[in-house]
Amino acid sequence: MIRRLCARLSFVALVAPLALLGLPNGAAASGGGGCVGDHVVVLDQRVDSRAGRRWAPNTISATFTAPIPAGSYQISVVTFDGYEGRSENPQLHEQVVVGIGGAVFGPTPDLADGEDWVTATTSGEIELLEGASTVTISHLLSGTETNNSVGVGCVALSAITSPPPPPSVEIGHDCDAEPAIVVTVSNPGPAADGSVRVDDAVTPVDVAPGEPTVVVIASTPGVHRVVVEIGGVVLVDAMHDVACVSEPPSDGLPDDADPPADTDPPDDADPP
């Protein structure tokens, strides 16, 4: 009986200071499962502003499973705090700063007061100046005596990719053989279906990425309406003049040949 009582008193003595310090115990709040991205690291550790706290140092770090190249990223940071009675104790400056790839994100907003268990996700954009494989998280007020630690659940980064520019279109014509409208589509993006309409005639077209796609459509001299639609987007709707000049019928002689001799008798010729 005495041993059980001592064990119970020891457990109470341990839990009480942890609650006062804001360190989660038992079912304390945790944010490790709240991150989704291309690169995710789970920490579930705490940071404190005061030095010498073994359970909550000023700064913690973690390594991603794969190196992250320099570039633009969407970043998410999950912070948390929780224990029974927290709602009755104001918790100030439960904030962290994240460092990665020569860039800094934060500080995160202060966690809400008036709740026993609280988890928050802070998201934004960050430009990594260099490749990185490690992230560091520090308490906003490292080196001070605020006595308010904060948990760091996870950090996630997802690359920000710009959509490829739309295809470009050039419209010309060819008069070498029969008149024709020539449409050239340059597509830097993925393959796409589309069509070229000249007046009322529609020609389907498959546009591949990389190499230009050339569409030749027989036409007639004069002005025609040309509509180019790729991937459901009308890129061109314009009038184009097929300026092909018809050659007069040939007389069968070279251009520098003398004209045929006049076989009619001269006006002053003697009658036979």
Protein backbone atom coordinates (compact mmCIF):
# COMPACT_ATOMS: atom_id res chain seq x y z
CA MET A 1 0.00 0.00 0.00
CA ILE A 2 2.78 2.40 0.90
CA ARG A 3 4.61 1.65 -2.40
CA ARG A 4 1.45 2.29 -4.44
CA LEU A 5 0.85 5.57 -2.63
CA CYS A 6 4.43 6.72 -3.25
CA ALA A 7 4.17 5.84 -6.91
CA ARG A 8 0.92 7.78 -7.23
CA LEU A 9 2.41 10.82 -5.50
CA SER A 10 5.48 10.65 -7.77
CA PHE A 11 3.27 10.56 -10.88
CA VAL A 12 1.23 13.58 -9.69
CA ALA A 13 4.42 15.45 -8.86
CA LEU A 14 5.72 14.80 -12.38
CA VAL A 15 2.53 15.75 -14.26
CA ALA A 16 1.93 19.00 -12.42
CA PRO A 17 5.19 20.71 -13.47
CA LEU A 18 4.73 19.49 -17.05
CA ALA A 19 1.30 21.09 -17.22
CA LEU A 20 2.64 24.35 -15.83
CA LEU A 21 5.39 24.37 -18.43
CA GLY A 22 3.01 23.66 -21.29
CA LEU A 23 4.65 20.32 -22.11
CA PRO A 24 2.08 17.84 -23.44
CA ASN A 25 1.63 14.63 -21.52
CA GLY A 26 -0.52 11.62 -22.24
CA ALA A 27 -2.93 12.71 -25.02
CA ALA A 28 -1.28 16.10 -25.49
CA ALA A 29 -1.87 17.92 -28.76
CA SER A 30 0.33 16.82 -31.63
CA GLY A 31 0.55 18.13 -35.17
CA GLY A 32 2.77 15.57 -36.83
CA GLY A 33 0.08 14.21 -39.12
CA GLY A 34 -1.11 17.53 -40.49
CA CYS A 35 1.39 18.11 -43.31
CA VAL A 36 0.97 17.22 -46.98
CA GLY A 37 3.46 18.16 -49.70
CA ASP A 38 6.25 17.13 -52.02
CA HIS A 39 8.72 17.13 -49.12
CA VAL A 40 7.49 16.42 -45.58
CA VAL A 41 9.36 16.03 -42.30
CA VAL A 42 7.64 15.13 -39.02
CA LEU A 43 9.17 16.49 -35.81
CA ASP A 44 6.62 16.39 -32.94
CA GLN A 45 9.11 18.20 -30.72
CA ARG A 46 9.00 21.37 -28.69
CA VAL A 47 11.10 24.51 -28.65
CA ASP A 48 11.44 26.94 -25.74
CA SER A 49 12.74 30.47 -25.50
CA ARG A 50 14.91 29.68 -22.48
CA ALA A 51 18.26 27.97 -22.77
CA GLY A 52 19.12 24.66 -21.15
CA ARG A 53 15.74 22.95 -21.52
CA ARG A 54 16.57 19.40 -22.53
CA TRP A 55 12.96 18.59 -23.38
CA ALA A 56 12.54 21.84 -25.34
CA PRO A 57 15.72 23.47 -26.70
CA ASN A 58 15.79 26.84 -28.43
CA THR A 59 16.26 25.22 -31.85
CA ILE A 60 15.51 21.83 -33.34
CA SER A 61 16.36 20.42 -36.77
CA ALA A 62 15.30 17.57 -39.02
CA THR A 63 16.43 16.06 -42.31
CA PHE A 64 14.20 15.45 -45.31
CA THR A 65 14.31 12.06 -46.98
CA ALA A 66 15.57 13.63 -50.23
CA PRO A 67 17.45 16.86 -51.02
CA ILE A 68 15.29 19.82 -52.00
CA PRO A 69 16.59 21.91 -54.91
CA ALA A 70 16.59 25.70 -54.87
CA GLY A 71 13.42 27.34 -56.12
CA SER A 72 9.98 28.59 -55.14
CA TYR A 73 7.90 26.51 -52.72
CA GLN A 74 4.65 26.54 -50.84
CA ILE A 75 5.50 25.87 -47.19
CA SER A 76 3.27 24.67 -44.35
CA VAL A 77 4.24 24.55 -40.67
CA VAL A 78 2.12 22.88 -38.00
CA THR A 79 2.52 24.13 -34.42
CA PHE A 80 0.66 22.94 -31.34
CA ASP A 81 0.27 23.12 -27.59
CA GLY A 82 -2.02 21.40 -25.16
CA TYR A 83 -2.64 20.29 -21.60
CA GLU A 84 -5.52 20.30 -19.19
CA GLY A 85 -5.88 23.76 -17.72
CA ARG A 86 -4.13 25.59 -20.58
CA SER A 87 -7.32 27.52 -21.29
CA GLU A 88 -6.92 29.25 -17.92
CA ASN A 89 -3.28 30.22 -18.46
CA PRO A 90 -2.44 32.91 -21.03
CA GLN A 91 0.24 31.63 -23.40
CA LEU A 92 2.16 34.39 -25.17
CA HIS A 93 4.59 34.15 -28.07
CA GLU A 94 4.04 30.49 -28.92
CA GLN A 95 5.70 31.18 -32.23
CA VAL A 96 8.53 29.72 -34.29
CA VAL A 97 10.81 30.73 -37.15
CA VAL A 98 11.78 28.25 -39.86
CA GLY A 99 15.12 28.29 -41.69
CA ILE A 100 15.83 26.29 -44.82
CA GLY A 101 17.95 26.67 -47.95
CA GLY A 102 19.31 30.08 -46.97
CA ALA A 103 15.78 31.44 -46.51
CA VAL A 104 13.64 32.19 -43.46
CA PHE A 105 9.90 31.69 -43.02
CA GLY A 106 7.94 33.14 -40.13
CA PRO A 107 7.35 33.87 -37.44
CA THR A 108 4.22 31.79 -37.25
CA PRO A 109 1.20 33.42 -35.57
CA ASP A 110 0.79 33.02 -31.83
CA LEU A 111 -1.34 30.02 -30.88
CA ALA A 112 -4.82 30.84 -29.67
CA ASP A 113 -5.44 31.20 -25.94
CA GLY A 114 -8.49 30.00 -24.06
CA GLU A 115 -8.23 26.39 -25.29
CA ASP A 116 -6.74 23.32 -23.64
CA TRP A 117 -5.68 21.77 -26.96
CA VAL A 118 -4.77 23.82 -30.00
CA THR A 119 -3.11 23.04 -33.32
CA ALA A 120 -2.48 25.57 -36.09
CA THR A 121 -1.18 25.36 -39.66
CA THR A 122 0.69 28.33 -41.10
CA SER A 123 1.18 28.40 -44.87
CA GLY A 124 2.92 30.73 -47.27
CA GLU A 125 5.59 30.90 -49.94
CA ILE A 126 9.35 30.66 -49.58
CA GLU A 127 12.19 31.06 -52.08
CA LEU A 128 15.03 28.66 -51.38
CA LEU A 129 18.27 30.37 -52.37
CA GLU A 130 20.17 27.08 -52.39
CA GLY A 131 19.47 23.38 -52.27
CA ALA A 132 18.72 22.00 -48.82
CA SER A 133 18.16 18.74 -47.00
CA THR A 134 17.81 20.04 -43.44
CA VAL A 135 15.29 22.38 -41.82
CA THR A 136 15.77 24.22 -38.51
CA ILE A 137 13.00 25.58 -36.30
CA SER A 138 13.68 28.07 -33.54
CA HIS A 139 11.50 29.69 -30.88
CA LEU A 140 10.73 33.28 -31.86
CA LEU A 141 12.10 34.61 -28.57
CA SER A 142 15.09 32.32 -28.15
CA GLY A 143 17.33 33.58 -25.35
CA THR A 144 14.56 35.22 -23.32
CA GLU A 145 12.57 34.04 -20.28
CA THR A 146 9.02 33.94 -21.68
CA ASN A 147 8.39 30.44 -20.22
CA ASN A 148 6.05 29.51 -23.09
CA SER A 149 7.22 26.58 -25.16
CA VAL A 150 5.52 25.53 -28.39
CA GLY A 151 5.34 22.22 -30.20
CA VAL A 152 6.36 21.78 -33.84
CA GLY A 153 4.45 19.00 -35.55
CA CYS A 154 5.77 18.98 -39.10
CA VAL A 155 7.03 21.04 -42.03
CA ALA A 156 6.04 20.49 -45.65
CA LEU A 157 7.19 22.03 -48.92
CA SER A 158 5.64 21.75 -52.37
CA ALA A 159 7.27 23.16 -55.49
CA ILE A 160 5.51 26.09 -57.15
CA THR A 161 5.46 25.44 -60.88
CA SER A 162 4.42 28.01 -63.46
CA PRO A 163 2.07 26.77 -66.17
CA PRO A 164 3.65 26.58 -69.63
CA PRO A 165 2.90 29.46 -71.97
CA PRO A 166 0.08 28.89 -74.46
CA PRO A 167 0.87 27.77 -78.01
CA SER A 168 1.84 30.47 -80.49
CA VAL A 169 0.29 30.62 -83.96
CA GLU A 170 1.55 32.03 -87.26
CA ILE A 171 -0.66 32.31 -90.33
CA GLY A 172 0.69 32.63 -93.85
CA HIS A 173 -0.04 31.38 -97.34
CA ASP A 174 1.64 29.50 -100.16
CA CYS A 175 1.27 30.37 -103.83
CA ASP A 176 3.82 27.97 -105.33
CA ALA A 177 1.24 25.44 -106.47
CA GLU A 178 -2.43 26.03 -105.84
CA PRO A 179 -3.14 28.77 -103.25
CA ALA A 180 -3.11 27.49 -99.70
CA ILE A 181 -3.30 28.86 -96.16
CA VAL A 182 -0.41 27.71 -93.95
CA VAL A 183 -0.91 27.63 -90.16
CA THR A 184 2.12 26.94 -87.91
CA VAL A 185 1.48 26.11 -84.25
CA SER A 186 4.40 26.07 -81.77
CA ASN A 187 3.43 24.34 -78.54
CA PRO A 188 5.75 24.49 -75.48
CA GLY A 189 3.18 22.71 -73.31
CA PRO A 190 1.70 19.21 -73.37
CA ALA A 191 0.12 17.64 -76.43
CA ALA A 192 -3.34 18.94 -77.27
CA ASP A 193 -6.13 18.53 -79.79
CA GLY A 194 -7.61 21.38 -81.74
CA SER A 195 -8.81 22.59 -85.11
CA VAL A 196 -8.19 25.14 -87.84
CA ARG A 197 -11.26 26.67 -89.46
CA VAL A 198 -11.00 28.55 -92.73
CA ASP A 199 -14.35 30.20 -93.43
CA ASP A 200 -16.76 27.27 -92.95
CA ALA A 201 -14.29 24.41 -93.45
CA VAL A 202 -12.87 22.82 -90.27
CA THR A 203 -9.65 20.79 -90.21
CA PRO A 204 -8.86 18.77 -87.02
CA VAL A 205 -5.29 19.04 -85.79
CA ASP A 206 -3.17 17.28 -83.15
CA VAL A 207 -0.52 19.56 -81.67
CA ALA A 208 2.55 17.82 -80.26
CA PRO A 209 4.92 19.46 -77.74
CA GLY A 210 8.27 20.69 -78.96
CA GLU A 211 8.35 20.63 -82.75
CA PRO A 212 6.07 23.09 -84.62
CA THR A 213 2.93 21.64 -86.18
CA VAL A 214 2.24 22.86 -89.72
CA VAL A 215 -1.23 22.69 -91.25
CA VAL A 216 -1.66 23.41 -94.99
CA ILE A 217 -5.20 24.03 -96.19
CA ALA A 218 -6.05 24.51 -99.88
CA SER A 219 -7.71 27.84 -100.47
CA THR A 220 -8.39 30.50 -103.07
CA PRO A 221 -6.98 33.99 -103.51
CA GLY A 222 -8.69 36.62 -101.42
CA VAL A 223 -9.57 37.32 -97.80
CA HIS A 224 -10.60 34.43 -95.56
CA ARG A 225 -11.53 34.10 -91.90
CA VAL A 226 -9.10 31.84 -90.00
CA VAL A 227 -9.93 30.50 -86.51
CA VAL A 228 -7.34 28.41 -84.63
CA GLU A 229 -8.51 26.56 -81.51
CA ILE A 230 -6.12 24.46 -79.40
CA GLY A 231 -7.11 22.64 -76.23
CA GLY A 232 -10.49 24.32 -76.10
CA VAL A 233 -8.99 27.82 -76.32
CA VAL A 234 -9.35 30.05 -79.36
CA LEU A 235 -5.87 31.40 -80.02
CA VAL A 236 -6.53 33.21 -83.29
CA ASP A 237 -9.69 34.55 -84.93
CA ALA A 238 -8.59 36.83 -87.76
CA MET A 239 -8.97 37.64 -91.41
CA HIS A 240 -6.12 36.62 -93.71
CA ASP A 241 -5.54 37.72 -97.28
CA VAL A 242 -4.30 34.96 -99.55
CA ALA A 243 -2.47 37.35 -101.86
CA CYS A 244 -1.80 34.97 -104.72
CA VAL A 245 -1.92 36.65 -108.18
CA SER A 246 -3.17 34.49 -111.04
CA GLU A 247 -0.83 34.48 -114.05
CA PRO A 248 -2.36 35.31 -117.48
CA PRO A 249 -2.57 32.42 -119.94
CA SER A 250 0.76 31.75 -121.64
CA ASP A 251 1.18 32.12 -125.45
CA GLY A 252 3.75 29.39 -125.42
CA LEU A 253 6.67 31.73 -126.25
CA PRO A 254 9.51 32.72 -123.97
CA ASP A 255 9.22 36.16 -122.41
CA ASP A 256 12.06 37.62 -124.61
CA ALA A 257 10.87 36.13 -127.93
CA ASP A 258 9.99 38.41 -130.83
CA PRO A 259 6.28 38.60 -131.65
CA PRO A 260 5.19 36.66 -134.73
CA ALA A 261 5.60 38.50 -138.05
CA ASP A 262 2.56 40.34 -139.37
CA THR A 263 1.30 38.38 -142.38
CA ASP A 264 -1.19 41.00 -143.50
CA PRO A 265 -0.03 42.94 -146.65
CA PRO A 266 0.93 46.54 -146.09
CA ASP A 267 -1.67 49.15 -146.85
CA ASP A 268 0.29 50.48 -149.87
CA ALA A 269 0.97 47.14 -151.40
CA ASP A 270 0.12 46.76 -155.14
CA PRO A 271 -2.89 44.63 -155.74
CA PRO A 272 -2.15 41.34 -157.42
